[in-house]
Amino acid sequence: MNCLLLTFRLKNMLIILFAFEFMMVNMLFAFVYLSIPFDPLSLLVFLAVAAGEASMGLSLLVSILRQSGNDNITSYSLNSFEGY
């Protein structure tokens, strides 16, 4: 839970994406090391979801950087993405 709270205090979108990916890897290691029973297919599904999340996040970051020129979270508001 502390990683999630730390993520919301960060200022750059790229660092936030790294934090989300770090949380996904930590969840994977927790599943493996705590011996939570699951088959190899669920492991592959989990990795596919993590890869999809990373690619969607990076594509969103690229589109935001092309639109505004910076990735500072503090410079955005919800109203700034109405026309995009």
C-alpha atoms as a PDB file:
ATOM      1  CA  MET A   1       0.000   0.000   0.000  1.00  0.00           C
ATOM      2  CA  ASN A   2       2.913   2.349   0.657  1.00  0.00           C
ATOM      3  CA  CYS A   3       4.103   1.989  -2.947  1.00  0.00           C
ATOM      4  CA  LEU A   4       0.681   3.058  -4.163  1.00  0.00           C
ATOM      5  CA  LEU A   5       0.677   6.127  -1.914  1.00  0.00           C
ATOM      6  CA  LEU A   6       4.210   6.988  -3.013  1.00  0.00           C
ATOM      7  CA  THR A   7       3.110   6.767  -6.637  1.00  0.00           C
ATOM      8  CA  PHE A   8       0.509   9.482  -6.159  1.00  0.00           C
ATOM      9  CA  ARG A   9       3.091  11.859  -4.665  1.00  0.00           C
ATOM     10  CA  LEU A  10       5.460  11.664  -7.635  1.00  0.00           C
ATOM     11  CA  LYS A  11       5.636  14.534 -10.098  1.00  0.00           C
ATOM     12  CA  ASN A  12       6.792  13.013 -13.420  1.00  0.00           C
ATOM     13  CA  MET A  13       4.647  10.616 -15.395  1.00  0.00           C
ATOM     14  CA  LEU A  14       7.601   8.444 -16.436  1.00  0.00           C
ATOM     15  CA  ILE A  15       8.550   7.853 -12.802  1.00  0.00           C
ATOM     16  CA  ILE A  16       4.936   6.950 -12.031  1.00  0.00           C
ATOM     17  CA  LEU A  17       4.967   4.393 -14.857  1.00  0.00           C
ATOM     18  CA  PHE A  18       8.183   2.897 -13.461  1.00  0.00           C
ATOM     19  CA  ALA A  19       6.557   2.683 -10.030  1.00  0.00           C
ATOM     20  CA  PHE A  20       3.518   0.863 -11.437  1.00  0.00           C
ATOM     21  CA  GLU A  21       5.770  -1.588 -13.283  1.00  0.00           C
ATOM     22  CA  PHE A  22       7.804  -2.130 -10.113  1.00  0.00           C
ATOM     23  CA  MET A  23       4.579  -2.946  -8.249  1.00  0.00           C
ATOM     24  CA  MET A  24       3.609  -5.488 -10.916  1.00  0.00           C
ATOM     25  CA  VAL A  25       6.998  -7.203 -10.660  1.00  0.00           C
ATOM     26  CA  ASN A  26       6.715  -7.238  -6.865  1.00  0.00           C
ATOM     27  CA  MET A  27       3.288  -8.867  -7.127  1.00  0.00           C
ATOM     28  CA  LEU A  28       4.736 -11.519  -9.437  1.00  0.00           C
ATOM     29  CA  PHE A  29       7.584 -12.254  -7.022  1.00  0.00           C
ATOM     30  CA  ALA A  30       5.136 -12.402  -4.128  1.00  0.00           C
ATOM     31  CA  PHE A  31       3.022 -14.962  -5.982  1.00  0.00           C
ATOM     32  CA  VAL A  32       6.078 -17.084  -6.761  1.00  0.00           C
ATOM     33  CA  TYR A  33       7.821 -16.884  -3.383  1.00  0.00           C
ATOM     34  CA  LEU A  34       4.721 -17.282  -1.258  1.00  0.00           C
ATOM     35  CA  SER A  35       3.877 -20.426  -3.242  1.00  0.00           C
ATOM     36  CA  ILE A  36       0.381 -19.330  -4.060  1.00  0.00           C
ATOM     37  CA  PRO A  37      -0.852 -22.235  -6.167  1.00  0.00           C
ATOM     38  CA  PHE A  38      -1.464 -21.316  -9.768  1.00  0.00           C
ATOM     39  CA  ASP A  39      -0.692 -23.003 -13.035  1.00  0.00           C
ATOM     40  CA  PRO A  40       1.846 -21.794 -15.602  1.00  0.00           C
ATOM     41  CA  LEU A  41      -0.946 -20.470 -17.807  1.00  0.00           C
ATOM     42  CA  SER A  42      -1.984 -17.960 -15.149  1.00  0.00           C
ATOM     43  CA  LEU A  43       1.659 -16.869 -14.890  1.00  0.00           C
ATOM     44  CA  LEU A  44       1.706 -16.188 -18.623  1.00  0.00           C
ATOM     45  CA  VAL A  45      -1.583 -14.288 -18.416  1.00  0.00           C
ATOM     46  CA  PHE A  46      -0.184 -12.179 -15.567  1.00  0.00           C
ATOM     47  CA  LEU A  47       2.953 -11.384 -17.579  1.00  0.00           C
ATOM     48  CA  ALA A  48       0.850 -10.540 -20.646  1.00  0.00           C
ATOM     49  CA  VAL A  49      -1.280  -8.137 -18.603  1.00  0.00           C
ATOM     50  CA  ALA A  50       1.859  -6.527 -17.171  1.00  0.00           C
ATOM     51  CA  ALA A  51       3.363  -6.125 -20.653  1.00  0.00           C
ATOM     52  CA  GLY A  52       0.117  -4.680 -22.000  1.00  0.00           C
ATOM     53  CA  GLU A  53      -0.076  -2.246 -19.105  1.00  0.00           C
ATOM     54  CA  ALA A  54       3.488  -1.111 -19.748  1.00  0.00           C
ATOM     55  CA  SER A  55       2.934  -0.600 -23.470  1.00  0.00           C
ATOM     56  CA  MET A  56      -0.313   1.312 -22.942  1.00  0.00           C
ATOM     57  CA  GLY A  57       1.364   3.512 -20.347  1.00  0.00           C
ATOM     58  CA  LEU A  58       4.287   4.310 -22.623  1.00  0.00           C
ATOM     59  CA  SER A  59       2.016   5.095 -25.560  1.00  0.00           C
ATOM     60  CA  LEU A  60      -0.018   7.415 -23.338  1.00  0.00           C
ATOM     61  CA  LEU A  61       3.195   9.079 -22.177  1.00  0.00           C
ATOM     62  CA  VAL A  62       4.366   9.616 -25.762  1.00  0.00           C
ATOM     63  CA  SER A  63       1.040  11.138 -26.801  1.00  0.00           C
ATOM     64  CA  ILE A  64       1.025  13.466 -23.785  1.00  0.00           C
ATOM     65  CA  LEU A  65       4.624  14.506 -24.476  1.00  0.00           C
ATOM     66  CA  ARG A  66       3.784  15.250 -28.100  1.00  0.00           C
ATOM     67  CA  GLN A  67       0.773  17.311 -27.100  1.00  0.00           C
ATOM     68  CA  SER A  68       2.233  19.379 -24.286  1.00  0.00           C
ATOM     69  CA  GLY A  69       6.013  18.949 -24.287  1.00  0.00           C
ATOM     70  CA  ASN A  70       6.464  17.947 -20.635  1.00  0.00           C
ATOM     71  CA  ASP A  71       5.500  15.093 -18.364  1.00  0.00           C
ATOM     72  CA  ASN A  72       4.964  16.963 -15.111  1.00  0.00           C
ATOM     73  CA  ILE A  73       1.735  15.846 -13.490  1.00  0.00           C
ATOM     74  CA  THR A  74       1.279  19.169 -11.715  1.00  0.00           C
ATOM     75  CA  SER A  75       0.880  21.028 -15.019  1.00  0.00           C
ATOM     76  CA  TYR A  76      -2.177  18.999 -16.081  1.00  0.00           C
ATOM     77  CA  SER A  77      -5.785  19.262 -15.118  1.00  0.00           C
ATOM     78  CA  LEU A  78      -8.714  17.118 -16.164  1.00  0.00           C
ATOM     79  CA  ASN A  79     -10.021  19.899 -18.387  1.00  0.00           C
ATOM     80  CA  SER A  80      -6.833  20.081 -20.461  1.00  0.00           C
ATOM     81  CA  PHE A  81      -7.579  16.783 -22.240  1.00  0.00           C
ATOM     82  CA  GLU A  82     -11.076  17.652 -23.476  1.00  0.00           C
ATOM     83  CA  GLY A  83     -10.108  18.320 -27.067  1.00  0.00           C
ATOM     84  CA  TYR A  84      -7.662  15.455 -27.422  1.00  0.00           C
END
